[in-house]
Protein backbone atom coordinates (compact mmCIF):
# COMPACT_ATOMS: atom_id res chain seq x y z
CA MET A 1 -37.79 -105.47 57.36
CA LYS A 2 -36.77 -107.35 54.23
CA ILE A 3 -32.97 -107.21 53.92
CA LEU A 4 -30.62 -108.29 51.11
CA ILE A 5 -27.03 -109.28 51.91
CA THR A 6 -24.62 -109.74 49.01
CA GLY A 7 -21.76 -112.07 49.91
CA GLY A 8 -23.96 -113.37 52.72
CA ALA A 9 -22.38 -116.85 52.78
CA GLY A 10 -19.00 -115.37 53.66
CA PHE A 11 -17.37 -114.91 57.05
CA ILE A 12 -18.94 -111.53 57.91
CA GLY A 13 -22.12 -112.00 55.85
CA SER A 14 -23.08 -115.22 57.62
CA HIS A 15 -22.74 -113.59 61.05
CA LEU A 16 -24.77 -110.60 59.85
CA SER A 17 -27.50 -112.94 58.49
CA GLU A 18 -27.70 -114.66 61.87
CA ARG A 19 -27.97 -111.37 63.75
CA LEU A 20 -30.66 -109.88 61.49
CA LEU A 21 -32.76 -113.07 61.64
CA LYS A 22 -32.57 -112.98 65.46
CA GLU A 23 -33.89 -109.41 65.29
CA GLY A 24 -36.92 -110.69 63.37
CA HIS A 25 -36.06 -109.49 59.86
CA GLU A 26 -36.47 -111.39 56.61
CA VAL A 27 -33.02 -112.04 55.09
CA ILE A 28 -32.17 -112.82 51.47
CA VAL A 29 -28.56 -113.82 50.80
CA VAL A 30 -26.95 -113.77 47.37
CA ASP A 31 -23.53 -115.38 46.94
CA ASN A 32 -21.56 -116.95 44.09
CA TYR A 33 -19.48 -119.11 46.50
CA PHE A 34 -16.12 -117.87 45.25
CA THR A 35 -15.03 -117.49 48.88
CA GLY A 36 -18.39 -117.89 50.67
CA GLN A 37 -19.35 -121.37 51.86
CA LYS A 38 -22.74 -123.00 52.28
CA SER A 39 -21.50 -124.50 55.55
CA ASN A 40 -21.42 -120.96 57.01
CA ILE A 41 -25.19 -120.58 56.61
CA HIS A 42 -26.35 -124.19 56.63
CA HIS A 43 -27.78 -123.80 60.15
CA LEU A 44 -30.04 -120.96 58.89
CA MET A 45 -31.64 -122.88 56.01
CA ASP A 46 -34.64 -124.09 58.03
CA ASN A 47 -35.54 -120.56 59.12
CA HIS A 48 -38.66 -119.45 57.22
CA ASN A 49 -37.35 -115.87 57.12
CA PHE A 50 -34.13 -116.90 55.36
CA GLU A 51 -33.62 -117.29 51.61
CA LEU A 52 -30.46 -118.17 49.67
CA VAL A 53 -29.85 -117.34 46.00
CA ARG A 54 -26.78 -118.37 44.03
CA HIS A 55 -25.92 -115.26 42.04
CA ASP A 56 -22.93 -113.19 40.94
CA ILE A 57 -23.52 -109.46 41.49
CA THR A 58 -21.49 -108.51 38.42
CA MET A 59 -24.84 -109.39 36.76
CA PRO A 60 -28.03 -107.40 37.53
CA PHE A 61 -30.33 -108.70 40.27
CA PHE A 62 -33.99 -107.80 40.76
CA ILE A 63 -35.80 -107.97 44.10
CA GLU A 64 -37.92 -105.82 46.43
CA VAL A 65 -36.22 -105.12 49.79
CA ASP A 66 -35.94 -102.33 52.37
CA GLN A 67 -32.18 -102.48 52.97
CA ILE A 68 -29.10 -103.81 51.12
CA TYR A 69 -25.79 -104.71 52.74
CA ASN A 70 -23.22 -104.89 49.90
CA LEU A 71 -20.54 -107.22 51.27
CA ALA A 72 -19.69 -109.27 48.17
CA CYS A 73 -15.96 -109.27 47.35
CA PRO A 74 -13.05 -111.56 48.24
CA ALA A 75 -11.23 -109.82 51.09
CA SER A 76 -7.97 -111.71 51.61
CA PRO A 77 -4.90 -111.17 49.37
CA ILE A 78 -4.72 -114.86 48.34
CA HIS A 79 -8.32 -114.81 47.11
CA TYR A 80 -8.53 -111.33 45.62
CA GLN A 81 -5.22 -111.72 43.74
CA TYR A 82 -6.24 -115.13 42.36
CA ASN A 83 -8.44 -113.40 39.77
CA ALA A 84 -7.62 -109.70 39.95
CA ILE A 85 -9.93 -108.68 37.09
CA LYS A 86 -12.86 -110.49 38.69
CA THR A 87 -12.11 -108.71 42.00
CA VAL A 88 -12.28 -105.28 40.34
CA LYS A 89 -15.47 -106.28 38.51
CA THR A 90 -17.10 -107.42 41.75
CA SER A 91 -16.31 -104.12 43.48
CA VAL A 92 -17.18 -101.83 40.56
CA MET A 93 -19.87 -103.60 38.50
CA GLY A 94 -21.32 -105.08 41.68
CA ALA A 95 -21.64 -101.59 43.16
CA ILE A 96 -23.27 -100.29 39.96
CA ASN A 97 -25.80 -103.15 39.94
CA MET A 98 -26.66 -102.86 43.62
CA LEU A 99 -26.88 -99.05 43.53
CA GLY A 100 -29.15 -99.31 40.49
CA LEU A 101 -31.34 -101.72 42.45
CA ALA A 102 -31.40 -99.43 45.51
CA LYS A 103 -32.34 -96.48 43.29
CA ARG A 104 -35.24 -98.34 41.64
CA ILE A 105 -36.75 -99.71 44.86
CA ASN A 106 -35.81 -96.77 47.16
CA ALA A 107 -33.82 -99.01 49.55
CA THR A 108 -31.02 -97.90 51.88
CA ILE A 109 -27.72 -99.47 50.78
CA LEU A 110 -24.57 -99.93 52.86
CA GLN A 111 -21.18 -100.42 51.25
CA ALA A 112 -18.67 -102.56 53.12
CA SER A 113 -15.55 -100.61 52.19
CA THR A 114 -12.18 -101.23 53.77
CA SER A 115 -9.21 -99.72 55.57
CA GLU A 116 -7.26 -100.75 52.44
CA VAL A 117 -8.51 -97.52 50.80
CA TYR A 118 -5.82 -95.81 52.95
CA GLY A 119 -3.09 -98.00 51.39
CA ASP A 120 0.25 -97.73 53.22
CA PRO A 121 -0.74 -94.60 55.15
CA ASP A 122 1.40 -91.49 55.62
CA ILE A 123 -0.68 -90.43 58.64
CA HIS A 124 -1.38 -92.37 61.81
CA PRO A 125 -3.98 -93.18 63.04
CA GLN A 126 -6.14 -92.96 59.91
CA VAL A 127 -9.05 -90.51 59.82
CA GLU A 128 -11.86 -90.63 57.25
CA SER A 129 -10.71 -87.34 55.67
CA TYR A 130 -7.33 -88.90 54.71
CA TRP A 131 -7.22 -89.60 50.95
CA GLY A 132 -4.88 -92.57 51.17
CA HIS A 133 -1.53 -93.69 49.75
CA VAL A 134 -2.29 -96.49 47.29
CA ASN A 135 -0.24 -97.94 44.43
CA PRO A 136 -2.78 -98.12 41.55
CA ILE A 137 -0.72 -100.71 39.63
CA GLY A 138 0.47 -102.85 42.55
CA ILE A 139 -0.60 -106.44 43.24
CA ARG A 140 -3.09 -105.28 45.90
CA ALA A 141 -4.66 -102.59 43.68
CA CYS A 142 -7.41 -104.85 42.33
CA TYR A 143 -8.91 -104.79 45.85
CA ASP A 144 -7.77 -101.35 47.10
CA GLU A 145 -8.73 -99.43 43.95
CA GLY A 146 -11.89 -101.50 43.42
CA LYS A 147 -13.13 -100.46 46.86
CA ARG A 148 -12.07 -96.84 46.31
CA CYS A 149 -14.01 -96.76 43.04
CA ALA A 150 -17.03 -98.33 44.76
CA GLU A 151 -16.99 -95.48 47.30
CA THR A 152 -16.88 -92.98 44.40
CA LEU A 153 -19.90 -94.66 42.80
CA PHE A 154 -21.82 -94.62 46.09
CA VAL A 155 -21.30 -90.92 46.79
CA ASN A 156 -22.16 -89.97 43.19
CA TYR A 157 -25.36 -92.05 43.20
CA GLN A 158 -26.27 -90.13 46.35
CA ARG A 159 -25.39 -86.71 44.91
CA GLN A 160 -26.94 -87.29 41.50
CA ASN A 161 -29.89 -89.60 42.24
CA ASP A 162 -30.46 -89.09 45.98
CA VAL A 163 -29.89 -92.80 46.69
CA LYS A 164 -29.86 -93.54 50.44
CA ILE A 165 -26.25 -94.65 50.97
CA LYS A 166 -24.07 -95.61 53.92
CA ILE A 167 -20.31 -96.32 53.71
CA ILE A 168 -18.22 -98.03 56.39
CA ARG A 169 -14.49 -98.70 56.22
CA ILE A 170 -13.82 -102.03 57.90
CA PHE A 171 -10.48 -102.59 59.65
CA ASN A 172 -8.97 -106.06 60.25
CA THR A 173 -11.78 -108.29 61.52
CA TYR A 174 -11.50 -111.84 62.84
CA GLY A 175 -13.71 -114.50 64.41
CA PRO A 176 -15.36 -117.88 63.83
CA ARG A 177 -16.04 -118.86 60.18
CA MET A 178 -12.96 -117.17 58.80
CA HIS A 179 -11.75 -119.26 55.87
CA PRO A 180 -8.87 -121.47 57.14
CA ASN A 181 -6.86 -120.92 53.95
CA ASP A 182 -7.56 -117.26 53.31
CA GLY A 183 -4.02 -116.14 54.09
CA ARG A 184 -5.10 -113.53 56.65
CA VAL A 185 -2.82 -113.16 59.61
CA VAL A 186 -5.19 -114.26 62.43
CA SER A 187 -6.41 -117.42 60.66
CA ASN A 188 -2.89 -118.18 59.38
CA PHE A 189 -1.36 -118.05 62.86
CA ILE A 190 -4.15 -120.05 64.51
CA VAL A 191 -4.13 -122.78 61.84
CA GLN A 192 -0.33 -123.06 61.96
CA ALA A 193 -0.34 -123.23 65.78
CA LEU A 194 -3.12 -125.85 65.97
CA LYS A 195 -1.31 -127.99 63.39
CA GLY A 196 1.92 -127.75 65.41
CA LYS A 197 3.72 -125.90 62.60
CA ASP A 198 6.05 -122.93 62.92
CA ILE A 199 4.32 -119.54 62.68
CA THR A 200 5.30 -117.53 59.61
CA ILE A 201 5.70 -113.77 59.94
CA TYR A 202 6.31 -111.73 56.79
CA GLY A 203 8.75 -108.90 57.45
CA ASP A 204 10.25 -108.25 60.89
CA GLY A 205 6.92 -108.53 62.75
CA MET A 206 7.04 -104.90 63.86
CA GLN A 207 4.30 -103.82 61.41
CA THR A 208 1.08 -103.09 63.28
CA ARG A 209 -2.59 -103.93 62.84
CA SER A 210 -5.74 -103.27 64.85
CA PHE A 211 -7.86 -106.39 65.26
CA GLN A 212 -11.62 -106.20 65.84
CA TYR A 213 -13.84 -109.14 66.73
CA VAL A 214 -16.69 -109.81 64.31
CA ASP A 215 -19.46 -109.06 66.87
CA ASP A 216 -18.10 -105.52 67.30
CA LEU A 217 -18.14 -105.01 63.54
CA LEU A 218 -21.76 -106.18 63.27
CA GLU A 219 -22.81 -103.71 65.96
CA GLY A 220 -21.11 -100.84 64.12
CA MET A 221 -22.44 -101.98 60.76
CA THR A 222 -26.10 -102.22 61.84
CA ARG A 223 -25.88 -98.91 63.73
CA MET A 224 -24.55 -97.26 60.57
CA MET A 225 -27.32 -98.76 58.41
CA ASN A 226 -29.94 -97.35 60.77
CA SER A 227 -28.23 -94.01 61.48
CA ARG A 228 -29.79 -90.63 60.64
CA PRO A 229 -30.67 -90.31 56.92
CA ASP A 230 -28.27 -87.44 56.18
CA PHE A 231 -25.22 -89.25 57.59
CA HIS A 232 -23.66 -91.19 54.73
CA GLY A 233 -20.10 -91.74 55.96
CA PRO A 234 -17.57 -93.01 55.23
CA VAL A 235 -16.94 -94.02 58.83
CA ASN A 236 -14.14 -96.17 60.23
CA ILE A 237 -15.29 -99.33 62.01
CA GLY A 238 -12.29 -100.91 63.69
CA ASN A 239 -10.45 -101.40 66.95
CA PRO A 240 -8.06 -98.52 67.76
CA ILE A 241 -5.89 -100.71 70.01
CA GLU A 242 -2.77 -101.44 67.96
CA PHE A 243 -0.69 -104.64 68.12
CA THR A 244 2.46 -105.68 66.29
CA ILE A 245 2.21 -108.83 64.19
CA LYS A 246 4.86 -110.38 66.46
CA GLU A 247 2.67 -109.69 69.54
CA LEU A 248 -0.27 -111.36 67.79
CA ALA A 249 1.84 -114.46 67.05
CA GLU A 250 2.94 -114.64 70.70
CA HIS A 251 -0.70 -114.38 71.88
CA VAL A 252 -1.75 -117.22 69.56
CA ILE A 253 1.11 -119.48 70.72
CA GLU A 254 0.20 -118.85 74.36
CA LEU A 255 -3.57 -119.35 73.93
CA THR A 256 -3.27 -122.52 71.81
CA GLY A 257 -0.52 -124.00 74.01
CA ALA A 258 1.45 -124.67 70.80
CA LYS A 259 5.20 -125.38 70.71
CA SER A 260 5.48 -123.40 67.45
CA LYS A 261 8.54 -121.26 66.76
CA ILE A 262 8.26 -117.94 64.91
CA ILE A 263 10.00 -117.84 61.53
CA TYR A 264 10.44 -114.78 59.34
CA GLN A 265 10.05 -114.35 55.58
CA ASP A 266 10.19 -111.40 53.17
CA LEU A 267 7.37 -108.85 53.34
CA PRO A 268 5.05 -108.93 50.27
CA MET A 269 4.92 -105.91 47.93
CA ASP A 270 2.82 -102.93 49.10
CA ASP A 271 2.00 -104.52 52.47
CA PRO A 272 1.16 -101.57 54.78
CA MET A 273 3.41 -101.05 57.82
CA GLN A 274 0.79 -99.44 60.05
CA ARG A 275 -2.97 -99.69 60.27
CA GLN A 276 -4.97 -98.11 63.08
CA PRO A 277 -8.39 -96.43 62.87
CA ASP A 278 -9.35 -93.12 64.37
CA ILE A 279 -12.91 -93.93 65.53
CA SER A 280 -13.90 -90.46 66.79
CA LEU A 281 -16.57 -90.18 64.09
CA ALA A 282 -18.09 -93.60 64.90
CA LYS A 283 -18.22 -92.65 68.59
CA LYS A 284 -19.89 -89.32 67.81
CA GLU A 285 -22.39 -90.40 65.15
CA LEU A 286 -23.11 -94.03 66.09
CA ASN A 287 -22.24 -94.04 69.80
CA TRP A 288 -20.10 -97.07 68.88
CA GLU A 289 -16.77 -98.44 69.99
CA PRO A 290 -15.48 -102.03 70.16
CA LYS A 291 -16.03 -104.00 73.37
CA VAL A 292 -14.30 -107.37 72.81
CA HIS A 293 -10.66 -107.57 73.90
CA LEU A 294 -8.17 -109.38 71.64
CA ARG A 295 -7.57 -112.22 74.12
CA GLU A 296 -11.31 -112.94 74.50
CA GLY A 297 -11.92 -112.84 70.75
CA LEU A 298 -8.90 -115.02 69.97
CA LEU A 299 -10.09 -117.70 72.44
CA LYS A 300 -13.50 -117.89 70.67
CA THR A 301 -11.80 -118.01 67.26
CA ILE A 302 -9.37 -120.73 68.34
CA GLU A 303 -12.29 -122.84 69.65
CA TYR A 304 -13.94 -122.56 66.22
CA PHE A 305 -10.80 -123.54 64.33
CA LYS A 306 -10.37 -126.60 66.56
CA THR A 307 -13.65 -127.87 65.09
CA VAL A 308 -12.59 -127.43 61.44
CA ILE A 309 -8.96 -128.59 61.52
């Protein structure tokens, strides 16, 4: 097939490009390099089935493809808060442009939504039917509400125009090619440990997250794209095994052999205290569940960061 990936030079997009090329597809990546990096996809440039276009999806884009993976949007608080208006535009106008494209060319389009649509959840673990607990005027809202609005656009394009949509809600994902300065907890801890610095935890470290390795996400994502036509989602794609942030820091110190101490700072505004997916729907509809244990995934990620630091 001919497949378009928006944000394809980013952390997840570059891994997805690699996987789809290995499966024999033709891959076209569009990226404006706000957080994506050419170095992530440099090794794919000689592949005759790979094409790279510098483009911002807040502007219309015209192409003929069979499938569209809409991944474009900065995903870490440091990056998405840097230009909050641009973040909202990418989620909302980007969705409108890509859905319009999918409608015209009759392509299947997958939206990479996020666990952030649940905000700081009142129920635990989070199921897809939960509406969320989001502060619409908080500092994280540009991302949270942008993704929520994108989901609204997707379901309405399906209802009104019969566009072939798929929505996944991605929970914390880590792995090689994460941006070293993106401010996300896994990359933060690994970079600090490898540089011999103290590890910074915001809050008391008792807040929890569920960490999934990028290969598990790709498996869930591609299964969702190719799932039965009348299953649109949203569906949680994440690891249901929950860890405290303090436990993650201790794992990183052990696996890197660092002498780092853990230091504590104030928790940022609207930072959720718990995040854990209920993946019953993914198991039922996609026959999917994560396979990579945290220790195994962290070792691979640490090896990558050793090459870039």
